[in-house]
Amino acid sequence: MSRVGGIGRLDPVADRYRSGYTYDANGNIQTVIRHDADGHPYDAITGASL
């Protein structure tokens, strides 16, 4: 059985397609980290790159 999305989803790959963002006090994106289908980080953008 598998469910798609949401809290409690049953997926053997913990970080599949996960994205993480940090913001400054004004709401501007400071860092971005994205993961692929296997849960491995494939993209990381920080500060001046944005």
N, C-alpha and C. Protein backbone atom coordinates (compact mmCIF):
# COMPACT_ATOMS: atom_id res chain seq x y z
N MET A 1 0.84 -1.18 0.00
CA MET A 1 0.00 0.00 0.00
C MET A 1 0.88 1.24 0.00
N SER A 2 0.55 2.22 -0.80
CA SER A 2 1.29 3.48 -0.78
C SER A 2 0.32 4.63 -0.94
N ARG A 3 0.64 5.71 -0.26
CA ARG A 3 -0.15 6.93 -0.37
C ARG A 3 0.77 8.00 -0.94
N VAL A 4 0.20 8.94 -1.64
CA VAL A 4 0.98 10.02 -2.24
C VAL A 4 0.80 11.29 -1.44
N GLY A 5 1.95 11.91 -1.07
CA GLY A 5 1.94 13.22 -0.42
C GLY A 5 1.42 13.22 1.01
N GLY A 6 1.67 14.33 1.67
CA GLY A 6 1.14 14.55 3.00
C GLY A 6 1.93 13.88 4.11
N ILE A 7 1.58 14.23 5.32
CA ILE A 7 2.22 13.65 6.49
C ILE A 7 1.84 12.18 6.59
N GLY A 8 2.81 11.37 6.93
CA GLY A 8 2.54 9.95 7.12
C GLY A 8 2.55 9.14 5.84
N ARG A 9 3.04 9.71 4.76
CA ARG A 9 3.06 8.93 3.52
C ARG A 9 4.01 7.76 3.67
N LEU A 10 3.69 6.68 3.04
CA LEU A 10 4.51 5.48 3.10
C LEU A 10 5.39 5.43 1.87
N ASP A 11 6.66 5.77 2.03
CA ASP A 11 7.59 5.81 0.91
C ASP A 11 8.93 5.29 1.41
N PRO A 12 9.49 4.28 0.76
CA PRO A 12 10.76 3.71 1.22
C PRO A 12 11.94 4.67 1.08
N VAL A 13 11.82 5.70 0.25
CA VAL A 13 12.89 6.69 0.09
C VAL A 13 12.47 7.94 0.85
N ALA A 14 13.14 8.18 1.98
CA ALA A 14 12.71 9.24 2.90
C ALA A 14 12.71 10.64 2.30
N ASP A 15 13.70 10.98 1.49
CA ASP A 15 13.82 12.36 0.99
C ASP A 15 13.47 12.50 -0.49
N ARG A 16 12.69 11.59 -1.02
CA ARG A 16 12.34 11.62 -2.45
C ARG A 16 11.72 12.97 -2.81
N TYR A 17 12.35 13.66 -3.74
CA TYR A 17 11.88 14.95 -4.28
C TYR A 17 11.70 16.04 -3.21
N ARG A 18 12.34 15.89 -2.07
CA ARG A 18 12.22 16.89 -1.01
C ARG A 18 12.91 18.18 -1.43
N SER A 19 12.36 19.30 -1.01
CA SER A 19 12.97 20.61 -1.24
C SER A 19 13.03 21.34 0.10
N GLY A 20 14.13 22.05 0.32
CA GLY A 20 14.26 22.82 1.54
C GLY A 20 14.68 24.24 1.21
N TYR A 21 14.10 25.18 1.92
CA TYR A 21 14.38 26.60 1.69
C TYR A 21 14.63 27.30 3.02
N THR A 22 15.51 28.30 3.01
CA THR A 22 15.65 29.19 4.15
C THR A 22 15.42 30.61 3.64
N TYR A 23 14.89 31.44 4.52
CA TYR A 23 14.51 32.81 4.16
C TYR A 23 15.13 33.81 5.12
N ASP A 24 15.36 35.03 4.65
CA ASP A 24 15.82 36.08 5.54
C ASP A 24 14.59 36.77 6.17
N ALA A 25 14.83 37.78 6.99
CA ALA A 25 13.75 38.46 7.70
C ALA A 25 12.75 39.14 6.77
N ASN A 26 13.16 39.45 5.54
CA ASN A 26 12.27 40.10 4.57
C ASN A 26 11.54 39.12 3.67
N GLY A 27 11.75 37.81 3.88
CA GLY A 27 11.08 36.80 3.07
C GLY A 27 11.81 36.41 1.81
N ASN A 28 13.04 36.90 1.64
CA ASN A 28 13.83 36.53 0.46
C ASN A 28 14.47 35.16 0.68
N ILE A 29 14.49 34.34 -0.35
CA ILE A 29 15.10 33.02 -0.26
C ILE A 29 16.60 33.17 -0.09
N GLN A 30 17.17 32.49 0.90
CA GLN A 30 18.61 32.52 1.15
C GLN A 30 19.30 31.26 0.63
N THR A 31 18.70 30.09 0.85
CA THR A 31 19.28 28.83 0.37
C THR A 31 18.18 27.91 -0.15
N VAL A 32 18.56 27.06 -1.10
CA VAL A 32 17.66 26.07 -1.68
C VAL A 32 18.43 24.76 -1.74
N ILE A 33 17.79 23.67 -1.28
CA ILE A 33 18.36 22.34 -1.43
C ILE A 33 17.25 21.44 -1.96
N ARG A 34 17.52 20.76 -3.09
CA ARG A 34 16.52 19.87 -3.68
C ARG A 34 17.09 18.46 -3.80
N HIS A 35 16.21 17.45 -3.71
CA HIS A 35 16.61 16.05 -3.78
C HIS A 35 15.95 15.37 -4.97
N ASP A 36 16.63 14.35 -5.51
CA ASP A 36 16.10 13.62 -6.66
C ASP A 36 15.23 12.44 -6.21
N ALA A 37 14.85 11.59 -7.15
CA ALA A 37 13.97 10.46 -6.87
C ALA A 37 14.58 9.46 -5.90
N ASP A 38 15.91 9.42 -5.81
CA ASP A 38 16.58 8.50 -4.91
C ASP A 38 16.87 9.13 -3.55
N GLY A 39 16.47 10.38 -3.36
CA GLY A 39 16.67 11.06 -2.10
C GLY A 39 18.02 11.73 -1.96
N HIS A 40 18.80 11.77 -3.04
CA HIS A 40 20.12 12.40 -3.01
C HIS A 40 20.02 13.88 -3.39
N PRO A 41 20.72 14.75 -2.66
CA PRO A 41 20.72 16.17 -3.03
C PRO A 41 21.34 16.34 -4.43
N TYR A 42 20.68 17.08 -5.30
CA TYR A 42 21.24 17.30 -6.63
C TYR A 42 21.41 18.78 -6.93
N ASP A 43 20.90 19.62 -6.08
CA ASP A 43 20.93 21.04 -6.36
C ASP A 43 21.00 21.78 -5.04
N ALA A 44 21.96 22.69 -4.93
CA ALA A 44 22.06 23.52 -3.73
C ALA A 44 22.45 24.92 -4.18
N ILE A 45 21.63 25.88 -3.86
CA ILE A 45 21.86 27.26 -4.26
C ILE A 45 21.92 28.10 -2.99
N THR A 46 22.91 28.98 -2.90
CA THR A 46 23.00 29.84 -1.71
C THR A 46 23.23 31.29 -2.11
N GLY A 47 22.83 32.19 -1.23
CA GLY A 47 23.08 33.62 -1.29
C GLY A 47 23.15 34.26 -2.65
N ALA A 48 24.36 34.63 -3.10
CA ALA A 48 24.57 35.41 -4.32
C ALA A 48 24.09 34.68 -5.58
N SER A 49 23.96 33.35 -5.54
CA SER A 49 23.49 32.59 -6.71
C SER A 49 22.03 32.88 -7.01
N LEU A 50 21.28 33.31 -6.00
CA LEU A 50 19.86 33.56 -6.20
C LEU A 50 19.72 34.90 -6.83
